[in-house]
Amino acid sequence: MYDVVAKGGIVFCIIIACSLLAMTVAIQRWWFYRLVEREDSKYMPGLSQAVAAGNTRPFGDGDGPLARLWAVMQEVCTKASDEMSAAAEVVLDKESLRLEKYLYILATIATIAPLLGLLGTVLGMIKTFHVAAMSGAGNPQLLAEGIAEALYNTAAGLFVTIFCIICHNHYRNWSARRLCMLETRAKEFSSLLIKGGNDSGQ
C-alpha cells in the first residue's frame, strides 16, 4: 500500500484524505439515520396508550427528533391549532437541517475527486514526457513510474467519486423519507394532543 501511495504522488495523498473524510461522514450519517428510525419504532407503537394513561413524557428524556417535536407541540397544545402547526413547522425546519447535515461534504468531494484525479493524471503524464525528453525511451522504468502515477490518480479519483455519489444520493433519499415521517408524526401528535385536551375538558 505504501508503494502505491508513493507512486501516486501528492495528489494521490489528497484523494486518500478526501476518501477518509467521505467515509467518516458516511458512517456518521448512517448511524444518525438509524437512531432516528430506532426512535420511531421504539416509541410510536405505544404512544397513544401512554398519552391516554396520562403520561406527558412518553419519550422520557430522549433527545431525538420525535422527542423534540413532541416537547414543542405539547408546550403549545393549549393554544389554537394554527399556533401548534406553526410550532411544528419550526421544529420540522430545524430537523430538516439536522437530517441533511454534512451531506454537502459528500457532494463537494464527489465534485472535486475526479478533478483531483485528472490533475494527478496530467502531472503523471508531464513527468513521463519530461523523462522521455531528458533520457529518451531508453529508461522504461522511469517512464512506467510517470504512467503509474497518472493511472493511480485516475482510478482513485473515480473510485472516490462513485462512492460519494452513491452515498450522497442514498442519504438524500433517506433524509427525505425521514422528514416525511416526521411530518406524519407531527399530524399524529397534533391529533393526540387535541383529543387529550378535549377529553380533559370534559
Protein backbone atom coordinates (compact mmCIF):
# COMPACT_ATOMS: atom_id res chain seq x y z
CA MET A 1 0.00 0.00 0.00
CA TYR A 2 2.86 2.35 0.83
CA ASP A 3 4.33 1.74 -2.63
CA VAL A 4 1.04 2.68 -4.26
CA VAL A 5 0.84 5.90 -2.23
CA ALA A 6 4.44 6.73 -3.01
CA LYS A 7 3.90 6.18 -6.73
CA GLY A 8 0.67 8.15 -6.75
CA GLY A 9 2.30 11.36 -5.57
CA ILE A 10 0.95 14.26 -3.55
CA VAL A 11 -2.36 14.45 -5.41
CA PHE A 12 -2.99 10.79 -4.65
CA CYS A 13 -2.49 11.54 -0.95
CA ILE A 14 -5.05 14.34 -1.16
CA ILE A 15 -7.54 11.96 -2.78
CA ILE A 16 -6.97 9.45 0.02
CA ALA A 17 -7.60 12.18 2.60
CA CYS A 18 -10.85 13.04 0.82
CA SER A 19 -11.88 9.39 0.81
CA LEU A 20 -11.27 9.09 4.56
CA LEU A 21 -13.37 12.20 5.19
CA ALA A 22 -16.14 10.84 2.96
CA MET A 23 -16.13 7.50 4.77
CA THR A 24 -16.31 9.27 8.14
CA VAL A 25 -19.32 11.31 7.02
CA ALA A 26 -21.00 8.25 5.51
CA ILE A 27 -20.63 6.24 8.72
CA GLN A 28 -21.78 9.13 10.91
CA ARG A 29 -24.88 9.76 8.79
CA TRP A 30 -25.75 6.07 8.68
CA TRP A 31 -25.59 5.89 12.47
CA PHE A 32 -27.67 9.07 12.85
CA TYR A 33 -30.42 7.88 10.50
CA ARG A 34 -30.52 4.51 12.23
CA LEU A 35 -31.05 6.27 15.58
CA VAL A 36 -33.94 8.26 14.09
CA GLU A 37 -35.57 5.10 12.77
CA ARG A 38 -34.99 3.30 16.06
CA GLU A 39 -36.66 6.12 17.99
CA ASP A 40 -39.70 5.92 15.75
CA SER A 41 -40.07 2.13 16.01
CA LYS A 42 -39.46 2.18 19.77
CA TYR A 43 -41.91 4.85 20.90
CA MET A 44 -44.66 5.22 18.31
CA PRO A 45 -46.47 1.87 18.75
CA GLY A 46 -47.35 2.61 22.38
CA LEU A 47 -47.66 6.38 22.20
CA SER A 48 -51.46 6.53 22.13
CA GLN A 49 -51.74 4.24 25.13
CA ALA A 50 -49.11 6.23 27.03
CA VAL A 51 -50.87 9.54 26.40
CA ALA A 52 -54.25 8.04 27.26
CA ALA A 53 -52.78 6.84 30.55
CA GLY A 54 -51.72 10.39 31.37
CA ASN A 55 -48.03 10.04 30.55
CA THR A 56 -46.97 13.52 29.45
CA ARG A 57 -43.40 12.39 28.78
CA PRO A 58 -43.79 9.29 26.60
CA PHE A 59 -40.29 9.83 25.19
CA GLY A 60 -38.63 10.14 28.59
CA ASP A 61 -35.51 12.28 28.40
CA GLY A 62 -34.84 11.39 24.78
CA ASP A 63 -33.09 13.91 22.55
CA GLY A 64 -34.22 12.54 19.20
CA PRO A 65 -36.31 14.44 16.64
CA LEU A 66 -39.59 12.88 17.79
CA ALA A 67 -38.90 13.81 21.39
CA ARG A 68 -38.08 17.40 20.42
CA LEU A 69 -41.17 17.60 18.21
CA TRP A 70 -43.43 16.27 20.96
CA ALA A 71 -41.97 18.62 23.58
CA VAL A 72 -42.56 21.73 21.49
CA MET A 73 -46.07 20.71 20.41
CA GLN A 74 -47.02 19.84 23.96
CA GLU A 75 -45.96 23.29 25.16
CA VAL A 76 -48.44 24.97 22.78
CA CYS A 77 -51.18 22.31 22.92
CA THR A 78 -53.44 24.64 24.92
CA LYS A 79 -53.29 27.26 22.17
CA ALA A 80 -55.01 27.39 18.80
CA SER A 81 -54.34 24.60 16.30
CA ASP A 82 -52.76 27.13 13.93
CA GLU A 83 -50.17 28.01 16.54
CA MET A 84 -49.49 24.34 17.15
CA SER A 85 -48.96 23.79 13.44
CA ALA A 86 -46.64 26.79 13.24
CA ALA A 87 -44.59 25.47 16.16
CA ALA A 88 -44.38 22.08 14.48
CA GLU A 89 -43.19 23.69 11.25
CA VAL A 90 -40.36 25.43 13.07
CA VAL A 91 -39.21 22.15 14.59
CA LEU A 92 -39.50 20.36 11.24
CA ASP A 93 -37.37 23.01 9.57
CA LYS A 94 -34.67 22.55 12.20
CA GLU A 95 -34.86 18.77 11.93
CA SER A 96 -34.58 19.03 8.16
CA LEU A 97 -31.26 20.82 8.62
CA ARG A 98 -30.11 18.13 11.04
CA LEU A 99 -31.10 15.37 8.62
CA GLU A 100 -29.15 16.95 5.75
CA LYS A 101 -26.17 17.93 7.89
CA TYR A 102 -22.76 17.05 6.41
CA LEU A 103 -24.26 15.82 3.13
CA TYR A 104 -22.72 18.80 1.38
CA ILE A 105 -19.31 17.29 2.20
CA LEU A 106 -20.14 14.20 0.17
CA ALA A 107 -21.40 16.35 -2.69
CA THR A 108 -18.27 18.51 -2.62
CA ILE A 109 -15.90 15.53 -2.60
CA ALA A 110 -17.88 13.91 -5.39
CA THR A 111 -17.30 17.07 -7.44
CA ILE A 112 -13.62 17.62 -6.75
CA ALA A 113 -12.40 13.99 -6.64
CA PRO A 114 -12.48 13.45 -10.43
CA LEU A 115 -10.79 16.83 -10.91
CA LEU A 116 -8.06 15.80 -8.50
CA GLY A 117 -7.73 12.52 -10.36
CA LEU A 118 -7.42 14.41 -13.62
CA LEU A 119 -4.82 16.71 -12.08
CA GLY A 120 -2.81 13.71 -10.90
CA THR A 121 -3.11 12.18 -14.35
CA VAL A 122 -1.83 15.33 -16.03
CA LEU A 123 1.07 15.61 -13.59
CA GLY A 124 1.94 11.97 -14.16
CA MET A 125 1.93 12.42 -17.92
CA ILE A 126 4.04 15.56 -17.59
CA LYS A 127 6.52 13.54 -15.58
CA THR A 128 6.50 10.82 -18.23
CA PHE A 129 7.12 13.22 -21.11
CA HIS A 130 9.79 15.03 -19.13
CA VAL A 131 11.65 11.75 -18.57
CA ALA A 132 11.22 10.86 -22.24
CA ALA A 133 12.58 14.25 -23.28
CA MET A 134 15.57 14.01 -20.96
CA SER A 135 16.59 10.39 -21.45
CA GLY A 136 14.61 9.23 -24.43
CA ALA A 137 12.72 5.97 -24.41
CA GLY A 138 15.72 4.02 -23.17
CA ASN A 139 14.66 4.09 -19.50
CA PRO A 140 11.31 2.24 -19.33
CA GLN A 141 11.32 2.18 -15.52
CA LEU A 142 11.20 5.95 -15.25
CA LEU A 143 8.55 6.11 -17.95
CA ALA A 144 6.50 3.48 -16.13
CA GLU A 145 6.62 5.50 -12.90
CA GLY A 146 5.04 8.51 -14.58
CA ILE A 147 2.38 6.38 -16.24
CA ALA A 148 1.66 4.59 -12.95
CA GLU A 149 1.22 7.92 -11.18
CA ALA A 150 -1.25 9.00 -13.83
CA LEU A 151 -3.28 5.79 -13.69
CA TYR A 152 -3.32 5.56 -9.88
CA ASN A 153 -4.73 9.07 -9.61
CA THR A 154 -7.33 8.44 -12.30
CA ALA A 155 -8.54 5.24 -10.64
CA ALA A 156 -8.55 6.75 -7.13
CA GLY A 157 -10.44 9.85 -8.23
CA LEU A 158 -13.12 7.80 -9.99
CA PHE A 159 -13.46 5.38 -7.08
CA VAL A 160 -13.96 8.16 -4.54
CA THR A 161 -16.39 9.96 -6.84
CA ILE A 162 -18.54 6.87 -7.33
CA PHE A 163 -18.58 6.17 -3.59
CA CYS A 164 -19.58 9.74 -2.72
CA ILE A 165 -22.30 9.95 -5.37
CA ILE A 166 -23.87 6.70 -4.20
CA CYS A 167 -23.75 7.73 -0.53
CA HIS A 168 -24.98 11.26 -1.19
CA ASN A 169 -27.96 10.17 -3.27
CA HIS A 170 -28.83 7.38 -0.85
CA TYR A 171 -28.68 9.65 2.18
CA ARG A 172 -30.60 12.45 0.48
CA ASN A 173 -33.37 9.95 -0.23
CA TRP A 174 -33.13 8.63 3.33
CA SER A 175 -33.30 12.17 4.68
CA ALA A 176 -36.36 12.97 2.58
CA ARG A 177 -38.15 9.85 3.81
CA ARG A 178 -37.30 10.64 7.44
CA LEU A 179 -38.62 14.18 7.02
CA CYS A 180 -41.87 12.88 5.56
CA MET A 181 -42.12 10.54 8.51
CA LEU A 182 -41.65 13.45 10.93
CA GLU A 183 -44.35 15.44 9.14
CA THR A 184 -46.71 12.49 9.53
CA ARG A 185 -45.81 12.16 13.20
CA ALA A 186 -46.46 15.87 13.72
CA LYS A 187 -50.02 15.36 12.46
CA GLU A 188 -50.44 12.37 14.74
CA PHE A 189 -49.10 14.35 17.71
CA SER A 190 -51.49 17.18 16.94
CA SER A 191 -54.43 14.77 16.84
CA LEU A 192 -53.40 13.16 20.11
CA LEU A 193 -52.93 16.48 21.87
CA ILE A 194 -56.22 17.92 20.63
CA LYS A 195 -58.03 14.73 21.62
CA GLY A 196 -56.33 14.78 25.02
CA GLY A 197 -57.30 18.41 25.52
CA ASN A 198 -60.92 17.68 24.64
CA ASP A 199 -61.01 14.68 26.96
CA SER A 200 -59.56 16.67 29.84
CA GLY A 201 -62.04 19.46 29.17
CA GLN A 202 -64.90 17.00 29.51
